[in-house]
């Protein structure tokens, strides 16, 4: 009879047990909130790397078809503009010597990095085979030889490079190269 009486009073948790569980939940939530921005940035970085790799494959298809690379990104009113590049990749415009147009079906979102900013594409050589002088971006992670294509000392190294891709990172308005998260040359 004593057993049935004791079990009747132990139906729930004690106040101490509930407070311990709540404390553990609060600690886990605090850790999650503290780590979340870092995790989100890593996800955006990975997405940017994947988009640049995909865009590089699209640009290579364009090159295989026309024998030249699409127009470089432009800097208009301090912002990156990829409209000419997108028009070229979608067959709206084509090099002057081409007879047919190649439509690669590129969407605007494919030209943006994981942070929603346009990926910068700079070709080293223009359609005539001359070095192309790119616009001066606030932050430019390219090697020194690529920043001054008019310098004859740089031509030997430039002959081994055809293009550059890079993302301005999470804050594209800052003049910080360390904020640029990924760049690639090919």
N, C-alpha and C. Protein backbone atom coordinates (compact mmCIF):
# COMPACT_ATOMS: atom_id res chain seq x y z
N UNK A 1 0.82 -1.19 0.00
CA UNK A 1 0.00 0.00 0.00
C UNK A 1 0.87 1.25 0.00
N UNK A 2 2.02 1.16 0.62
CA UNK A 2 2.92 2.29 0.66
C UNK A 2 3.41 2.64 -0.75
N UNK A 3 3.63 1.65 -1.58
CA UNK A 3 4.10 1.86 -2.95
C UNK A 3 3.07 2.63 -3.77
N UNK A 4 1.82 2.31 -3.65
CA UNK A 4 0.80 3.00 -4.45
C UNK A 4 0.65 4.45 -3.99
N UNK A 5 0.80 4.70 -2.71
CA UNK A 5 0.70 6.05 -2.19
C UNK A 5 1.88 6.90 -2.65
N UNK A 6 3.08 6.35 -2.70
CA UNK A 6 4.28 7.09 -3.11
C UNK A 6 4.25 7.40 -4.60
N UNK A 7 3.76 6.49 -5.42
CA UNK A 7 3.73 6.70 -6.87
C UNK A 7 2.71 7.77 -7.25
N UNK A 8 1.71 7.98 -6.39
CA UNK A 8 0.69 8.97 -6.68
C UNK A 8 1.26 10.39 -6.59
N UNK A 9 2.28 10.63 -5.81
CA UNK A 9 2.84 11.96 -5.64
C UNK A 9 4.04 12.22 -6.55
N UNK A 10 4.57 11.28 -7.31
CA UNK A 10 5.73 11.45 -8.21
C UNK A 10 5.30 11.38 -9.67
N UNK A 11 4.27 12.09 -10.03
CA UNK A 11 3.77 12.05 -11.40
C UNK A 11 4.51 13.03 -12.30
N UNK A 12 5.05 14.11 -11.82
CA UNK A 12 5.69 15.14 -12.65
C UNK A 12 7.13 15.37 -12.26
N UNK A 13 7.70 16.40 -12.88
CA UNK A 13 9.09 16.76 -12.58
C UNK A 13 9.13 17.76 -11.46
N UNK A 14 10.22 17.75 -10.76
CA UNK A 14 10.38 18.73 -9.69
C UNK A 14 10.78 20.06 -10.31
N UNK A 15 10.66 21.11 -9.54
CA UNK A 15 11.03 22.44 -10.00
C UNK A 15 12.51 22.51 -10.34
N UNK A 16 13.34 21.85 -9.59
CA UNK A 16 14.79 21.83 -9.84
C UNK A 16 15.09 21.14 -11.17
N UNK A 17 14.44 20.03 -11.45
CA UNK A 17 14.65 19.32 -12.71
C UNK A 17 14.24 20.18 -13.91
N UNK A 18 13.11 20.86 -13.80
CA UNK A 18 12.66 21.74 -14.87
C UNK A 18 13.64 22.90 -15.10
N UNK A 19 14.16 23.46 -14.04
CA UNK A 19 15.11 24.57 -14.17
C UNK A 19 16.42 24.10 -14.81
N UNK A 20 16.85 22.89 -14.51
CA UNK A 20 18.07 22.35 -15.12
C UNK A 20 17.86 22.15 -16.62
N UNK A 21 16.73 21.61 -17.00
CA UNK A 21 16.44 21.41 -18.43
C UNK A 21 16.37 22.76 -19.14
N UNK A 22 15.70 23.74 -18.55
CA UNK A 22 15.61 25.07 -19.16
C UNK A 22 16.99 25.71 -19.29
N UNK A 23 17.84 25.54 -18.31
CA UNK A 23 19.19 26.09 -18.37
C UNK A 23 19.99 25.46 -19.51
N UNK A 24 19.89 24.16 -19.65
CA UNK A 24 20.59 23.47 -20.74
C UNK A 24 20.08 23.96 -22.09
N UNK A 25 18.78 24.13 -22.24
CA UNK A 25 18.21 24.63 -23.50
C UNK A 25 18.69 26.05 -23.78
N UNK A 26 18.72 26.90 -22.78
CA UNK A 26 19.20 28.27 -22.96
C UNK A 26 20.68 28.31 -23.37
N UNK A 27 21.49 27.45 -22.78
CA UNK A 27 22.91 27.39 -23.14
C UNK A 27 23.06 26.96 -24.59
N UNK A 28 22.32 25.95 -25.01
CA UNK A 28 22.39 25.49 -26.40
C UNK A 28 21.91 26.58 -27.37
N UNK A 29 20.86 27.31 -27.01
CA UNK A 29 20.38 28.40 -27.87
C UNK A 29 21.42 29.51 -27.98
N UNK A 30 22.08 29.83 -26.89
CA UNK A 30 23.11 30.87 -26.89
C UNK A 30 24.28 30.46 -27.79
N UNK A 31 24.69 29.22 -27.70
CA UNK A 31 25.78 28.74 -28.57
C UNK A 31 25.37 28.79 -30.04
N UNK A 32 24.14 28.42 -30.33
CA UNK A 32 23.66 28.45 -31.71
C UNK A 32 23.62 29.87 -32.25
N UNK A 33 23.11 30.81 -31.49
CA UNK A 33 23.03 32.20 -31.92
C UNK A 33 24.43 32.79 -32.09
N UNK A 34 25.37 32.42 -31.25
CA UNK A 34 26.73 32.95 -31.34
C UNK A 34 27.46 32.40 -32.57
N UNK A 35 27.20 31.18 -32.95
CA UNK A 35 27.91 30.54 -34.06
C UNK A 35 27.22 30.79 -35.40
N UNK A 36 25.95 31.13 -35.40
CA UNK A 36 25.19 31.23 -36.64
C UNK A 36 25.79 32.19 -37.67
N UNK A 37 26.22 33.41 -37.33
CA UNK A 37 26.78 34.30 -38.36
C UNK A 37 28.00 33.68 -39.06
N UNK A 38 28.83 33.00 -38.32
CA UNK A 38 30.01 32.36 -38.92
C UNK A 38 29.58 31.25 -39.88
N UNK A 39 28.61 30.46 -39.47
CA UNK A 39 28.12 29.37 -40.33
C UNK A 39 27.49 29.95 -41.60
N UNK A 40 26.70 31.00 -41.46
CA UNK A 40 26.05 31.61 -42.63
C UNK A 40 27.10 32.15 -43.60
N UNK A 41 28.16 32.79 -43.08
CA UNK A 41 29.21 33.31 -43.95
C UNK A 41 29.92 32.18 -44.70
N UNK A 42 30.16 31.07 -44.02
CA UNK A 42 30.80 29.93 -44.68
C UNK A 42 29.92 29.37 -45.79
N UNK A 43 28.61 29.35 -45.56
CA UNK A 43 27.68 28.88 -46.59
C UNK A 43 27.71 29.81 -47.80
N UNK A 44 27.72 31.13 -47.55
CA UNK A 44 27.79 32.10 -48.64
C UNK A 44 29.10 31.98 -49.41
N UNK A 45 30.20 31.73 -48.70
CA UNK A 45 31.49 31.55 -49.37
C UNK A 45 31.47 30.33 -50.29
N UNK A 46 30.93 29.24 -49.79
CA UNK A 46 30.85 28.02 -50.59
C UNK A 46 29.96 28.23 -51.82
N UNK A 47 28.84 28.90 -51.63
CA UNK A 47 27.95 29.19 -52.74
C UNK A 47 28.66 30.06 -53.79
N UNK A 48 29.46 31.02 -53.33
CA UNK A 48 30.20 31.89 -54.25
C UNK A 48 31.23 31.10 -55.04
N UNK A 49 31.96 30.23 -54.38
CA UNK A 49 32.94 29.40 -55.08
C UNK A 49 32.26 28.54 -56.14
N UNK A 50 31.13 27.95 -55.80
CA UNK A 50 30.39 27.12 -56.76
C UNK A 50 29.90 27.95 -57.94
N UNK A 51 29.39 29.15 -57.68
CA UNK A 51 28.90 30.00 -58.76
C UNK A 51 30.03 30.45 -59.68
N UNK A 52 31.18 30.77 -59.11
CA UNK A 52 32.33 31.16 -59.94
C UNK A 52 32.78 29.99 -60.79
N UNK A 53 32.82 28.80 -60.23
CA UNK A 53 33.20 27.62 -61.02
C UNK A 53 32.21 27.36 -62.15
N UNK A 54 30.91 27.51 -61.87
CA UNK A 54 29.89 27.33 -62.91
C UNK A 54 30.03 28.40 -63.98
N UNK A 55 30.22 29.64 -63.56
CA UNK A 55 30.36 30.74 -64.51
C UNK A 55 31.62 30.54 -65.37
N UNK A 56 32.66 30.01 -64.78
CA UNK A 56 33.87 29.74 -65.55
C UNK A 56 33.59 28.71 -66.65
N UNK A 57 32.81 27.69 -66.36
CA UNK A 57 32.47 26.69 -67.37
C UNK A 57 31.64 27.32 -68.50
N UNK A 58 30.74 28.23 -68.15
CA UNK A 58 29.92 28.92 -69.15
C UNK A 58 30.81 29.78 -70.04
N UNK A 59 31.75 30.50 -69.44
CA UNK A 59 32.66 31.36 -70.20
C UNK A 59 33.55 30.52 -71.12
N UNK A 60 33.96 29.35 -70.66
CA UNK A 60 34.77 28.46 -71.50
C UNK A 60 33.96 27.98 -72.71
N UNK A 61 32.67 27.69 -72.53
CA UNK A 61 31.82 27.30 -73.67
C UNK A 61 31.72 28.45 -74.67
N UNK A 62 31.58 29.65 -74.15
CA UNK A 62 31.53 30.83 -75.02
C UNK A 62 32.83 30.93 -75.83
N UNK A 63 33.95 30.74 -75.14
CA UNK A 63 35.26 30.82 -75.81
C UNK A 63 35.41 29.73 -76.88
N UNK A 64 34.97 28.52 -76.56
CA UNK A 64 35.04 27.43 -77.53
C UNK A 64 34.24 27.74 -78.79
N UNK A 65 33.12 28.44 -78.62
CA UNK A 65 32.25 28.76 -79.76
C UNK A 65 32.80 29.92 -80.60
N UNK A 66 33.24 30.99 -79.93
CA UNK A 66 33.63 32.21 -80.63
C UNK A 66 35.15 32.41 -80.76
N UNK A 67 35.92 31.78 -79.92
CA UNK A 67 37.37 32.00 -79.95
C UNK A 67 37.83 33.24 -79.20
N UNK A 68 36.91 33.92 -78.53
CA UNK A 68 37.22 35.08 -77.68
C UNK A 68 36.39 34.95 -76.41
N UNK A 69 36.77 35.72 -75.40
CA UNK A 69 36.01 35.71 -74.15
C UNK A 69 34.95 36.80 -74.18
N UNK A 70 33.86 36.65 -73.42
CA UNK A 70 32.81 37.68 -73.40
C UNK A 70 33.35 38.99 -72.81
N UNK A 71 32.61 40.08 -72.99
CA UNK A 71 33.06 41.37 -72.45
C UNK A 71 33.23 41.33 -70.93
N UNK A 72 34.18 42.13 -70.46
CA UNK A 72 34.45 42.22 -69.03
C UNK A 72 33.32 42.93 -68.30
N UNK A 73 33.29 42.73 -66.99
CA UNK A 73 32.36 43.49 -66.14
C UNK A 73 32.73 44.97 -66.24
N UNK A 74 31.75 45.81 -66.05
CA UNK A 74 31.99 47.25 -66.08
C UNK A 74 31.73 47.83 -64.69
N UNK A 75 32.27 49.01 -64.49
CA UNK A 75 32.04 49.73 -63.25
C UNK A 75 31.23 50.97 -63.61
N UNK A 76 29.94 50.97 -63.24
CA UNK A 76 29.06 52.09 -63.57
C UNK A 76 28.54 52.68 -62.26
N UNK A 77 28.83 53.95 -62.07
CA UNK A 77 28.41 54.67 -60.85
C UNK A 77 28.85 53.94 -59.58
N UNK A 78 30.05 53.39 -59.63
CA UNK A 78 30.61 52.73 -58.46
C UNK A 78 30.09 51.32 -58.21
N UNK A 79 29.27 50.80 -59.12
CA UNK A 79 28.73 49.45 -58.95
C UNK A 79 29.12 48.57 -60.13
N UNK A 80 29.27 47.29 -59.86
CA UNK A 80 29.62 46.33 -60.89
C UNK A 80 28.39 46.09 -61.78
N UNK A 81 28.62 46.12 -63.10
CA UNK A 81 27.54 45.90 -64.06
C UNK A 81 27.97 44.79 -65.02
N UNK A 82 27.22 43.69 -65.05
CA UNK A 82 27.53 42.55 -65.91
C UNK A 82 26.56 42.43 -67.09
N UNK A 83 25.84 43.52 -67.44
CA UNK A 83 24.84 43.45 -68.49
C UNK A 83 25.44 43.05 -69.84
N UNK A 84 26.56 43.66 -70.23
CA UNK A 84 27.17 43.32 -71.53
C UNK A 84 27.60 41.85 -71.55
N UNK A 85 28.12 41.38 -70.43
CA UNK A 85 28.54 39.98 -70.36
C UNK A 85 27.32 39.06 -70.48
N UNK A 86 26.24 39.39 -69.77
CA UNK A 86 25.05 38.56 -69.81
C UNK A 86 24.44 38.56 -71.22
N UNK A 87 24.40 39.73 -71.87
CA UNK A 87 23.89 39.79 -73.24
C UNK A 87 24.72 38.92 -74.17
N UNK A 88 26.04 38.94 -74.00
CA UNK A 88 26.91 38.13 -74.85
C UNK A 88 26.68 36.64 -74.59
N UNK A 89 26.57 36.24 -73.34
CA UNK A 89 26.38 34.83 -73.01
C UNK A 89 25.01 34.31 -73.45
N UNK A 90 24.04 35.20 -73.57
CA UNK A 90 22.69 34.79 -73.97
C UNK A 90 22.41 35.03 -75.45
N UNK A 91 23.43 35.37 -76.22
CA UNK A 91 23.25 35.52 -77.66
C UNK A 91 22.60 36.81 -78.10
N UNK A 92 22.39 37.76 -77.20
CA UNK A 92 21.82 39.06 -77.58
C UNK A 92 22.84 39.83 -78.41
N UNK A 93 24.11 39.74 -78.02
CA UNK A 93 25.20 40.35 -78.79
C UNK A 93 26.26 39.28 -79.01
N UNK A 94 27.01 39.42 -80.08
CA UNK A 94 28.05 38.46 -80.41
C UNK A 94 29.24 39.21 -80.99
N UNK A 95 30.42 38.60 -80.98
CA UNK A 95 31.58 39.26 -81.58
C UNK A 95 31.31 39.60 -83.05
N UNK A 96 31.96 40.66 -83.53
CA UNK A 96 31.70 41.17 -84.88
C UNK A 96 31.95 40.14 -85.97
N UNK A 97 32.93 39.27 -85.80
CA UNK A 97 33.27 38.31 -86.86
C UNK A 97 32.44 37.03 -86.83
N UNK A 98 31.46 36.93 -85.95
CA UNK A 98 30.69 35.68 -85.83
C UNK A 98 29.46 35.72 -86.73
N UNK A 99 29.10 34.56 -87.24
CA UNK A 99 27.94 34.44 -88.12
C UNK A 99 26.70 33.98 -87.37
N UNK A 100 26.90 33.24 -86.29
CA UNK A 100 25.76 32.74 -85.53
C UNK A 100 25.88 33.18 -84.07
N UNK A 101 24.78 33.11 -83.39
CA UNK A 101 24.75 33.53 -81.98
C UNK A 101 24.54 32.31 -81.09
N UNK A 102 25.27 32.29 -80.00
CA UNK A 102 25.19 31.20 -79.03
C UNK A 102 24.40 31.69 -77.82
N UNK A 103 23.34 30.96 -77.47
CA UNK A 103 22.55 31.32 -76.30
C UNK A 103 22.80 30.28 -75.21
N UNK A 104 23.50 30.69 -74.15
CA UNK A 104 23.82 29.78 -73.06
C UNK A 104 22.77 29.81 -71.94
N UNK A 105 21.73 30.63 -72.09
CA UNK A 105 20.63 30.67 -71.13
C UNK A 105 21.04 31.09 -69.73
N UNK A 106 21.91 32.08 -69.63
CA UNK A 106 22.39 32.55 -68.33
C UNK A 106 21.35 33.46 -67.69
N UNK A 107 21.04 33.19 -66.45
CA UNK A 107 20.10 34.01 -65.67
C UNK A 107 20.89 35.01 -64.84
N UNK A 108 20.24 36.10 -64.48
CA UNK A 108 20.89 37.15 -63.69
C UNK A 108 21.45 36.59 -62.38
N UNK A 109 20.73 35.68 -61.74
CA UNK A 109 21.17 35.11 -60.46
C UNK A 109 22.47 34.33 -60.59
N UNK A 110 22.76 33.79 -61.77
CA UNK A 110 24.00 33.04 -61.97
C UNK A 110 25.22 33.95 -61.97
N UNK A 111 25.01 35.24 -62.18
CA UNK A 111 26.12 36.20 -62.20
C UNK A 111 26.35 36.83 -60.83
N UNK A 112 25.58 36.39 -59.83
CA UNK A 112 25.72 36.96 -58.49
C UNK A 112 26.35 35.95 -57.55
N UNK A 113 27.13 36.48 -56.60
CA UNK A 113 27.78 35.61 -55.63
C UNK A 113 26.81 35.22 -54.52
N UNK A 114 27.29 34.52 -53.52
CA UNK A 114 26.45 34.06 -52.42
C UNK A 114 25.92 35.18 -51.55
N UNK A 115 26.46 36.40 -51.72
CA UNK A 115 26.01 37.55 -50.94
C UNK A 115 25.07 38.45 -51.72
N UNK A 116 24.75 38.07 -52.99
CA UNK A 116 23.83 38.85 -53.80
C UNK A 116 24.50 39.94 -54.62
N UNK A 117 25.84 40.00 -54.64
CA UNK A 117 26.57 41.00 -55.42
C UNK A 117 27.05 40.37 -56.73
N UNK A 118 27.21 41.19 -57.75
CA UNK A 118 27.68 40.65 -59.03
C UNK A 118 29.12 40.17 -58.92
N UNK A 119 29.38 39.03 -59.54
CA UNK A 119 30.73 38.49 -59.63
C UNK A 119 31.45 39.28 -60.72
N UNK A 120 32.67 39.67 -60.45
CA UNK A 120 33.45 40.44 -61.42
C UNK A 120 34.17 39.49 -62.35
N UNK A 121 34.04 39.74 -63.64
CA UNK A 121 34.76 38.98 -64.67
C UNK A 121 35.58 39.98 -65.47
N UNK A 122 36.87 39.76 -65.55
CA UNK A 122 37.74 40.61 -66.36
C UNK A 122 38.53 39.73 -67.32
N UNK A 123 38.40 40.01 -68.59
CA UNK A 123 39.22 39.30 -69.56
C UNK A 123 40.51 40.09 -69.74
N UNK A 124 41.59 39.39 -70.02
CA UNK A 124 42.89 40.03 -70.18
C UNK A 124 43.06 40.53 -71.61
N UNK A 125 42.50 39.79 -72.56
CA UNK A 125 42.68 40.11 -73.98
C UNK A 125 41.36 40.51 -74.60
N UNK A 126 41.34 41.59 -75.41
CA UNK A 126 40.11 41.98 -76.09
C UNK A 126 39.94 41.17 -77.37
N UNK A 127 38.89 41.45 -78.14
CA UNK A 127 38.60 40.67 -79.35
C UNK A 127 39.71 40.75 -80.39
N UNK A 128 40.48 41.84 -80.38
CA UNK A 128 41.56 42.02 -81.35
C UNK A 128 42.88 41.42 -80.89
N UNK A 129 42.90 40.84 -79.69
CA UNK A 129 44.12 40.24 -79.17
C UNK A 129 45.03 41.21 -78.44
N UNK A 130 44.54 42.40 -78.14
CA UNK A 130 45.30 43.38 -77.37
C UNK A 130 44.95 43.26 -75.90
N UNK A 131 45.88 43.68 -75.04
CA UNK A 131 45.56 43.64 -73.61
C UNK A 131 44.47 44.66 -73.33
N UNK A 132 43.55 44.25 -72.49
CA UNK A 132 42.41 45.11 -72.16
C UNK A 132 42.69 45.80 -70.83
N UNK A 133 42.50 47.10 -70.79
CA UNK A 133 42.69 47.84 -69.55
C UNK A 133 41.36 47.87 -68.81
N UNK A 134 41.29 47.17 -67.69
CA UNK A 134 40.01 47.08 -66.97
C UNK A 134 39.74 48.34 -66.16
N UNK A 135 38.49 48.51 -65.75
CA UNK A 135 38.19 49.63 -64.84
C UNK A 135 38.87 49.40 -63.50
N UNK A 136 39.10 50.47 -62.79
CA UNK A 136 39.75 50.38 -61.48
C UNK A 136 38.70 50.13 -60.41
N UNK A 137 38.65 48.91 -59.91
CA UNK A 137 37.72 48.56 -58.84
C UNK A 137 38.34 48.98 -57.51
N UNK A 138 37.49 49.28 -56.55
CA UNK A 138 37.99 49.70 -55.24
C UNK A 138 38.95 48.69 -54.65
N UNK A 139 38.55 47.46 -54.66
CA UNK A 139 39.45 46.41 -54.16
C UNK A 139 39.70 45.46 -55.31
N UNK A 140 40.95 45.14 -55.52
CA UNK A 140 41.34 44.33 -56.67
C UNK A 140 42.37 43.31 -56.19
N UNK A 141 41.95 42.05 -56.00
CA UNK A 141 42.87 41.05 -55.44
C UNK A 141 43.81 40.44 -56.47
N UNK A 142 43.76 40.91 -57.73
CA UNK A 142 44.61 40.31 -58.74
C UNK A 142 46.08 40.60 -58.47
N UNK A 143 46.98 39.75 -58.99
CA UNK A 143 48.40 40.01 -58.82
C UNK A 143 48.81 41.32 -59.49
N UNK A 144 49.93 41.88 -59.06
CA UNK A 144 50.38 43.19 -59.55
C UNK A 144 50.55 43.20 -61.07
N UNK A 145 51.03 42.11 -61.66
CA UNK A 145 51.25 42.11 -63.11
C UNK A 145 49.95 42.26 -63.90
N UNK A 146 48.84 41.86 -63.32
CA UNK A 146 47.56 41.93 -64.03
C UNK A 146 46.91 43.30 -63.91
N UNK A 147 47.31 44.07 -62.91
CA UNK A 147 46.69 45.38 -62.70
C UNK A 147 47.22 46.42 -63.69
N UNK A 148 48.37 46.18 -64.29
CA UNK A 148 48.93 47.12 -65.25
C UNK A 148 49.31 46.40 -66.54
N UNK A 149 48.32 46.12 -67.40
CA UNK A 149 48.61 45.38 -68.62
C UNK A 149 49.40 46.19 -69.65
N UNK A 150 49.53 47.50 -69.45
CA UNK A 150 50.28 48.33 -70.40
C UNK A 150 51.79 48.24 -70.17
N UNK A 151 52.20 47.74 -69.02
CA UNK A 151 53.62 47.61 -68.71
C UNK A 151 54.22 46.43 -69.48
N UNK A 152 55.22 46.66 -70.34
CA UNK A 152 55.80 45.56 -71.14
C UNK A 152 56.42 44.45 -70.29
N UNK A 153 56.85 44.78 -69.08
CA UNK A 153 57.43 43.76 -68.20
C UNK A 153 56.39 42.74 -67.75
N UNK A 154 55.13 43.11 -67.80
CA UNK A 154 54.06 42.23 -67.33
C UNK A 154 53.52 41.31 -68.42
N UNK A 155 53.85 41.59 -69.67
CA UNK A 155 53.25 40.84 -70.78
C UNK A 155 53.57 39.35 -70.74
N UNK A 156 54.79 38.99 -70.32
CA UNK A 156 55.15 37.57 -70.28
C UNK A 156 54.23 36.81 -69.34
N UNK A 157 53.97 37.36 -68.17
CA UNK A 157 53.08 36.70 -67.22
C UNK A 157 51.62 36.76 -67.70
N UNK A 158 51.23 37.86 -68.34
CA UNK A 158 49.86 38.00 -68.82
C UNK A 158 49.53 37.00 -69.93
N UNK A 159 50.53 36.58 -70.70
CA UNK A 159 50.28 35.63 -71.78
C UNK A 159 49.77 34.28 -71.27
N UNK A 160 50.04 34.00 -70.00
CA UNK A 160 49.60 32.74 -69.41
C UNK A 160 48.23 32.82 -68.77
N UNK A 161 47.62 34.01 -68.79
CA UNK A 161 46.33 34.23 -68.13
C UNK A 161 45.34 34.79 -69.16
N UNK A 162 44.12 34.32 -69.12
CA UNK A 162 43.09 34.81 -70.04
C UNK A 162 41.99 35.63 -69.36
N UNK A 163 41.73 35.33 -68.10
CA UNK A 163 40.64 36.02 -67.41
C UNK A 163 40.80 35.90 -65.90
N UNK A 164 40.03 36.73 -65.20
CA UNK A 164 39.97 36.71 -63.74
C UNK A 164 38.50 36.78 -63.32
N UNK A 165 38.16 36.06 -62.26
CA UNK A 165 36.86 36.17 -61.60
C UNK A 165 37.13 36.53 -60.15
N UNK A 166 36.28 37.34 -59.56
CA UNK A 166 36.32 37.48 -58.11
C UNK A 166 35.03 38.07 -57.58
N UNK A 167 34.84 37.84 -56.28
CA UNK A 167 33.67 38.35 -55.57
C UNK A 167 34.15 39.42 -54.60
N UNK A 168 33.37 40.47 -54.46
CA UNK A 168 33.73 41.53 -53.53
C UNK A 168 33.37 41.19 -52.09
N UNK A 169 32.80 40.03 -51.87
CA UNK A 169 32.52 39.59 -50.51
C UNK A 169 31.25 40.19 -49.94
N UNK A 170 31.08 40.07 -48.61
CA UNK A 170 29.83 40.48 -47.98
C UNK A 170 29.60 42.00 -47.99
N UNK A 171 30.66 42.79 -48.07
CA UNK A 171 30.50 44.24 -48.05
C UNK A 171 31.24 44.84 -49.24
N UNK A 172 30.58 44.96 -50.39
CA UNK A 172 31.27 45.37 -51.61
C UNK A 172 31.69 46.83 -51.66
N UNK A 173 31.25 47.65 -50.70
CA UNK A 173 31.59 49.07 -50.74
C UNK A 173 32.89 49.37 -50.01
N UNK A 174 33.38 48.45 -49.23
CA UNK A 174 34.60 48.72 -48.48
C UNK A 174 35.82 48.53 -49.37
N UNK A 175 36.83 49.33 -49.11
CA UNK A 175 38.08 49.25 -49.87
C UNK A 175 39.03 48.29 -49.15
N UNK A 176 38.60 47.04 -49.05
CA UNK A 176 39.40 46.03 -48.35
C UNK A 176 39.51 44.79 -49.21
N UNK A 177 40.73 44.43 -49.55
CA UNK A 177 40.94 43.21 -50.34
C UNK A 177 40.67 41.98 -49.48
N UNK A 178 40.92 42.06 -48.18
CA UNK A 178 40.71 40.89 -47.33
C UNK A 178 39.23 40.54 -47.19
N UNK A 179 38.35 41.43 -47.62
CA UNK A 179 36.92 41.16 -47.63
C UNK A 179 36.53 40.36 -48.88
N UNK A 180 37.39 40.43 -49.93
CA UNK A 180 37.13 39.66 -51.14
C UNK A 180 37.31 38.20 -50.78
N UNK A 181 36.31 37.40 -51.09
CA UNK A 181 36.36 36.05 -50.56
C UNK A 181 36.91 35.00 -51.50
N UNK A 182 36.89 35.26 -52.78
CA UNK A 182 37.35 34.22 -53.69
C UNK A 182 37.72 34.84 -55.01
N UNK A 183 38.85 34.46 -55.54
CA UNK A 183 39.18 34.90 -56.89
C UNK A 183 39.86 33.77 -57.60
N UNK A 184 39.75 33.80 -58.91
CA UNK A 184 40.25 32.71 -59.72
C UNK A 184 40.75 33.28 -61.04
N UNK A 185 41.83 32.73 -61.53
CA UNK A 185 42.30 33.13 -62.86
C UNK A 185 42.37 31.90 -63.74
N UNK A 186 42.23 32.11 -65.01
CA UNK A 186 42.27 30.99 -65.94
C UNK A 186 42.88 31.38 -67.26
